[in-house]
N, C-alpha and C. Protein backbone atom coordinates (compact mmCIF):
# COMPACT_ATOMS: atom_id res chain seq x y z
N MET A 1 113.84 84.30 101.22
CA MET A 1 112.46 84.36 100.73
C MET A 1 112.15 85.92 100.49
N HIS A 2 111.58 86.14 99.19
CA HIS A 2 111.32 87.45 98.68
C HIS A 2 110.01 87.84 99.27
N ILE A 3 109.95 88.94 100.21
CA ILE A 3 108.94 89.36 100.69
C ILE A 3 108.41 90.83 100.44
N VAL A 4 107.27 91.31 100.21
CA VAL A 4 106.80 92.49 99.68
C VAL A 4 105.89 93.12 100.64
N TYR A 5 106.26 94.44 100.95
CA TYR A 5 105.08 95.12 101.69
C TYR A 5 104.63 96.11 100.64
N VAL A 6 103.16 96.20 100.61
CA VAL A 6 102.55 96.90 99.89
C VAL A 6 102.06 98.04 100.82
N VAL A 7 102.47 99.28 100.52
CA VAL A 7 102.22 100.35 101.40
C VAL A 7 101.73 101.60 100.56
N ASN A 8 100.49 102.30 101.09
CA ASN A 8 100.00 103.28 100.54
C ASN A 8 100.83 104.52 100.50
N ASP A 9 101.30 104.87 101.65
CA ASP A 9 102.05 106.23 101.82
C ASP A 9 103.09 106.08 102.76
N ILE A 10 104.30 106.46 102.45
CA ILE A 10 105.51 106.42 103.41
C ILE A 10 106.01 107.71 103.75
N SER A 11 105.31 108.91 103.47
CA SER A 11 105.71 110.10 103.44
C SER A 11 105.93 110.67 104.77
N HIS A 12 105.20 109.88 105.85
CA HIS A 12 105.35 110.34 107.35
C HIS A 12 105.62 109.09 108.09
N VAL A 13 106.87 108.94 108.57
CA VAL A 13 107.39 107.75 109.28
C VAL A 13 107.00 107.76 110.66
N VAL A 14 105.79 107.59 111.07
CA VAL A 14 105.24 107.50 112.20
C VAL A 14 104.29 106.12 112.39
N GLY A 15 104.15 105.79 113.67
CA GLY A 15 103.21 104.69 114.04
C GLY A 15 103.27 103.47 113.13
N GLY A 16 102.33 103.21 112.42
CA GLY A 16 102.41 101.82 111.73
C GLY A 16 103.24 101.85 110.62
N VAL A 17 103.61 103.03 109.63
CA VAL A 17 104.68 103.21 108.85
C VAL A 17 105.91 102.67 109.44
N ARG A 18 106.24 103.32 110.50
CA ARG A 18 107.57 103.02 111.22
C ARG A 18 107.81 101.63 111.54
N VAL A 19 106.70 100.89 112.11
CA VAL A 19 106.59 99.57 112.34
C VAL A 19 106.85 98.74 111.11
N ILE A 20 106.27 99.13 110.08
CA ILE A 20 106.36 98.34 108.64
C ILE A 20 107.89 98.35 108.19
N LEU A 21 108.42 99.64 108.40
CA LEU A 21 109.97 99.90 108.11
C LEU A 21 110.88 99.15 108.96
N GLU A 22 110.58 98.97 110.15
CA GLU A 22 111.45 98.37 110.98
C GLU A 22 111.31 96.72 110.72
N HIS A 23 110.18 96.28 110.62
CA HIS A 23 110.01 94.65 109.96
C HIS A 23 110.85 94.40 108.87
N ALA A 24 110.61 95.46 108.00
CA ALA A 24 111.37 95.21 106.49
C ALA A 24 112.76 95.25 106.74
N ASN A 25 113.35 96.32 107.38
CA ASN A 25 114.76 96.34 107.69
C ASN A 25 115.23 95.19 108.60
N ARG A 26 114.59 94.55 109.31
CA ARG A 26 115.09 93.42 110.16
C ARG A 26 114.96 92.09 109.47
N LEU A 27 113.83 92.04 108.61
CA LEU A 27 113.76 90.70 107.81
C LEU A 27 115.05 90.78 106.71
N ALA A 28 115.48 91.93 106.36
CA ALA A 28 116.61 92.10 105.14
C ALA A 28 117.76 91.65 106.04
N LYS A 29 117.99 92.13 107.22
CA LYS A 29 118.98 91.85 108.06
C LYS A 29 119.17 90.36 108.21
N ARG A 30 118.08 89.75 108.39
CA ARG A 30 118.27 88.24 108.53
C ARG A 30 118.48 87.52 107.24
N GLY A 31 118.63 88.14 106.03
CA GLY A 31 118.83 87.31 104.87
C GLY A 31 117.68 87.49 103.88
N HIS A 32 116.61 87.96 104.14
CA HIS A 32 115.69 87.87 103.32
C HIS A 32 115.63 88.95 102.25
N LEU A 33 114.90 88.75 101.25
CA LEU A 33 114.93 89.87 99.88
C LEU A 33 113.66 90.51 100.22
N VAL A 34 113.45 91.76 100.72
CA VAL A 34 112.52 92.43 101.17
C VAL A 34 112.45 93.65 100.34
N GLU A 35 111.24 93.99 99.98
CA GLU A 35 110.86 95.35 99.09
C GLU A 35 109.58 95.89 99.59
N LEU A 36 109.55 97.24 99.52
CA LEU A 36 108.37 98.11 99.62
C LEU A 36 107.91 98.58 98.42
N TRP A 37 106.68 98.25 98.18
CA TRP A 37 105.86 98.72 97.08
C TRP A 37 104.91 100.05 97.32
N VAL A 38 105.29 100.96 96.83
CA VAL A 38 104.56 102.12 97.04
C VAL A 38 103.89 102.98 95.82
N ASP A 39 102.82 103.54 96.17
CA ASP A 39 102.14 104.28 95.06
C ASP A 39 102.82 105.87 94.74
N ASN A 40 103.49 106.18 95.78
CA ASN A 40 103.85 107.55 95.86
C ASN A 40 105.13 107.79 96.71
N ASN A 41 105.91 108.89 96.61
CA ASN A 41 106.87 109.29 97.77
C ASN A 41 107.92 108.20 98.04
N LEU A 42 108.79 108.10 97.07
CA LEU A 42 109.80 106.86 97.08
C LEU A 42 110.94 107.33 98.06
N SER A 43 110.97 108.45 98.43
CA SER A 43 112.27 108.64 99.37
C SER A 43 111.75 108.82 100.85
N LEU A 44 112.80 108.50 101.92
CA LEU A 44 112.65 108.53 103.29
C LEU A 44 113.61 109.54 103.82
N PRO A 45 113.50 110.70 103.78
CA PRO A 45 114.69 111.52 104.25
C PRO A 45 115.22 111.33 105.47
N TYR A 46 114.55 110.97 106.41
CA TYR A 46 114.90 110.90 107.89
C TYR A 46 114.69 109.62 108.80
N PHE A 47 114.60 108.59 107.80
CA PHE A 47 114.58 107.40 108.38
C PHE A 47 115.40 106.39 107.65
N GLU A 48 116.40 105.53 108.28
CA GLU A 48 117.24 104.66 107.57
C GLU A 48 116.32 103.35 107.07
N CYS A 49 116.17 103.18 105.74
CA CYS A 49 115.57 101.94 105.20
C CYS A 49 116.53 101.27 104.38
N THR A 50 116.67 99.95 104.73
CA THR A 50 117.91 99.27 103.87
C THR A 50 117.21 98.50 102.77
N VAL A 51 115.92 98.55 102.75
CA VAL A 51 115.37 97.65 101.49
C VAL A 51 114.87 98.47 100.49
N PRO A 52 114.83 98.26 99.33
CA PRO A 52 114.30 98.92 98.00
C PRO A 52 113.10 99.21 98.27
N VAL A 53 112.81 100.53 97.87
CA VAL A 53 111.36 101.20 97.79
C VAL A 53 111.13 101.35 96.15
N LYS A 54 110.15 100.63 95.75
CA LYS A 54 109.74 100.62 94.34
C LYS A 54 108.34 101.36 94.13
N ALA A 55 108.27 101.89 92.88
CA ALA A 55 106.97 102.54 92.60
C ALA A 55 106.13 101.42 92.03
N PHE A 56 105.06 101.27 92.35
CA PHE A 56 103.86 100.30 91.92
C PHE A 56 103.85 100.34 90.40
N ASP A 57 104.47 99.34 89.64
CA ASP A 57 104.09 99.01 88.36
C ASP A 57 104.15 97.65 87.95
N LYS A 58 102.91 97.22 87.52
CA LYS A 58 102.85 95.44 87.44
C LYS A 58 103.65 94.98 86.50
N LYS A 59 104.18 95.81 85.51
CA LYS A 59 105.09 95.25 84.58
C LYS A 59 106.45 95.17 84.98
N GLN A 60 106.75 95.77 86.00
CA GLN A 60 108.14 95.74 86.25
C GLN A 60 108.64 95.06 87.75
N LEU A 61 107.49 94.35 88.23
CA LEU A 61 107.63 93.70 89.87
C LEU A 61 107.66 92.27 89.57
N ASP A 62 108.56 91.90 90.21
CA ASP A 62 108.85 90.32 90.28
C ASP A 62 107.90 89.60 91.33
N VAL A 63 107.50 88.52 91.01
CA VAL A 63 106.67 87.69 91.95
C VAL A 63 107.11 87.34 93.18
N PRO A 64 106.68 87.96 94.31
CA PRO A 64 107.42 87.41 95.42
C PRO A 64 106.90 86.31 96.11
N ASP A 65 107.32 85.69 97.20
CA ASP A 65 107.06 84.54 97.95
C ASP A 65 105.85 85.05 98.94
N ILE A 66 105.74 86.42 99.55
CA ILE A 66 104.94 86.77 100.30
C ILE A 66 104.59 88.07 100.17
N VAL A 67 103.29 88.41 100.05
CA VAL A 67 102.87 89.74 100.00
C VAL A 67 102.21 90.16 101.33
N VAL A 68 102.81 91.43 101.82
CA VAL A 68 102.06 91.90 103.22
C VAL A 68 101.38 93.14 102.82
N LEU A 69 99.86 93.08 102.76
CA LEU A 69 99.06 94.13 102.57
C LEU A 69 99.04 95.00 103.88
N THR A 70 99.35 96.25 103.88
CA THR A 70 99.35 97.16 105.15
C THR A 70 98.18 98.13 105.24
N ASP A 71 97.20 98.01 104.37
CA ASP A 71 96.19 98.92 104.42
C ASP A 71 94.75 98.33 104.11
N GLN A 72 93.92 98.66 104.81
CA GLN A 72 92.33 98.04 104.59
C GLN A 72 91.88 98.36 103.06
N ALA A 73 92.71 99.33 102.32
CA ALA A 73 92.22 99.52 100.84
C ALA A 73 92.65 98.31 100.10
N PHE A 74 93.60 97.52 100.55
CA PHE A 74 93.87 96.35 99.99
C PHE A 74 93.14 95.05 100.13
N LEU A 75 92.31 95.22 101.03
CA LEU A 75 91.53 94.01 101.45
C LEU A 75 90.95 93.03 100.24
N PRO A 76 90.48 93.71 99.30
CA PRO A 76 89.85 92.97 98.13
C PRO A 76 91.03 92.02 97.60
N VAL A 77 92.36 92.44 97.46
CA VAL A 77 93.29 91.71 97.00
C VAL A 77 93.53 90.56 97.62
N ALA A 78 93.17 90.29 98.83
CA ALA A 78 93.77 89.20 99.83
C ALA A 78 92.84 87.98 99.05
N ALA A 79 91.86 88.08 98.48
CA ALA A 79 90.87 87.14 98.15
C ALA A 79 91.38 86.46 96.65
N GLU A 80 92.35 87.02 96.15
CA GLU A 80 92.48 86.85 94.56
C GLU A 80 93.38 85.50 94.68
N PRO A 81 92.84 84.50 93.79
CA PRO A 81 93.43 82.99 93.80
C PRO A 81 94.78 83.04 92.90
N THR A 82 95.12 83.86 92.15
CA THR A 82 96.47 83.88 91.27
C THR A 82 97.15 85.11 91.42
N TRP A 83 98.32 84.93 91.04
CA TRP A 83 99.15 86.04 90.93
C TRP A 83 98.64 87.22 89.95
N ASP A 84 98.28 86.77 88.76
CA ASP A 84 97.74 87.80 87.84
C ASP A 84 96.43 88.49 88.32
N LYS A 85 95.79 87.86 88.92
CA LYS A 85 94.50 88.37 89.65
C LYS A 85 94.83 89.35 90.78
N THR A 86 95.98 89.06 91.53
CA THR A 86 96.34 89.88 92.64
C THR A 86 96.87 91.11 92.24
N ILE A 87 97.84 90.85 91.35
CA ILE A 87 98.63 92.09 90.69
C ILE A 87 97.61 93.24 90.02
N ASP A 88 96.42 92.78 89.29
CA ASP A 88 95.65 93.37 88.65
C ASP A 88 94.56 94.24 89.93
N SER A 89 94.55 93.44 90.95
CA SER A 89 93.65 93.96 91.84
C SER A 89 94.43 95.14 92.72
N LEU A 90 95.70 94.93 92.91
CA LEU A 90 96.75 95.98 93.41
C LEU A 90 96.65 97.34 92.55
N GLU A 91 96.70 97.12 91.37
CA GLU A 91 96.55 98.29 90.39
C GLU A 91 95.55 98.83 90.61
N SER A 92 94.39 98.23 90.85
CA SER A 92 93.08 98.75 90.86
C SER A 92 92.96 99.61 92.13
N ALA A 93 93.26 98.88 93.32
CA ALA A 93 93.44 99.63 94.45
C ALA A 93 94.24 100.90 94.56
N PHE A 94 95.48 100.99 94.01
CA PHE A 94 96.24 102.09 94.01
C PHE A 94 95.47 103.07 93.13
N ALA A 95 94.94 102.65 91.95
CA ALA A 95 94.20 103.64 91.06
C ALA A 95 93.15 104.32 91.51
N ALA A 96 92.55 103.58 92.66
CA ALA A 96 91.21 104.11 93.31
C ALA A 96 91.52 105.32 94.32
N ARG A 97 92.74 105.29 94.72
CA ARG A 97 92.95 106.33 95.86
C ARG A 97 93.03 107.64 95.40
């Protein structure tokens, strides 16, 4: 299964971000294709992340089976009925930050 976590900021691996990374790593270990889509800071210098971290760019991202929205800023995205509208709403949410 292709699972994507949409994350605002991974520059500080504490609390919720650490939990997200643990989930992603463990799902990948179980054989799932897992990615993190972020707006900034693609590097994790002191935490082992076994999944790809990609900059959000709607033209270069594949359609996943599951999208996990990790911040309340992404709540409007959850109501979108189609992938095209979802990806446009994600782009707007990242731009609004």
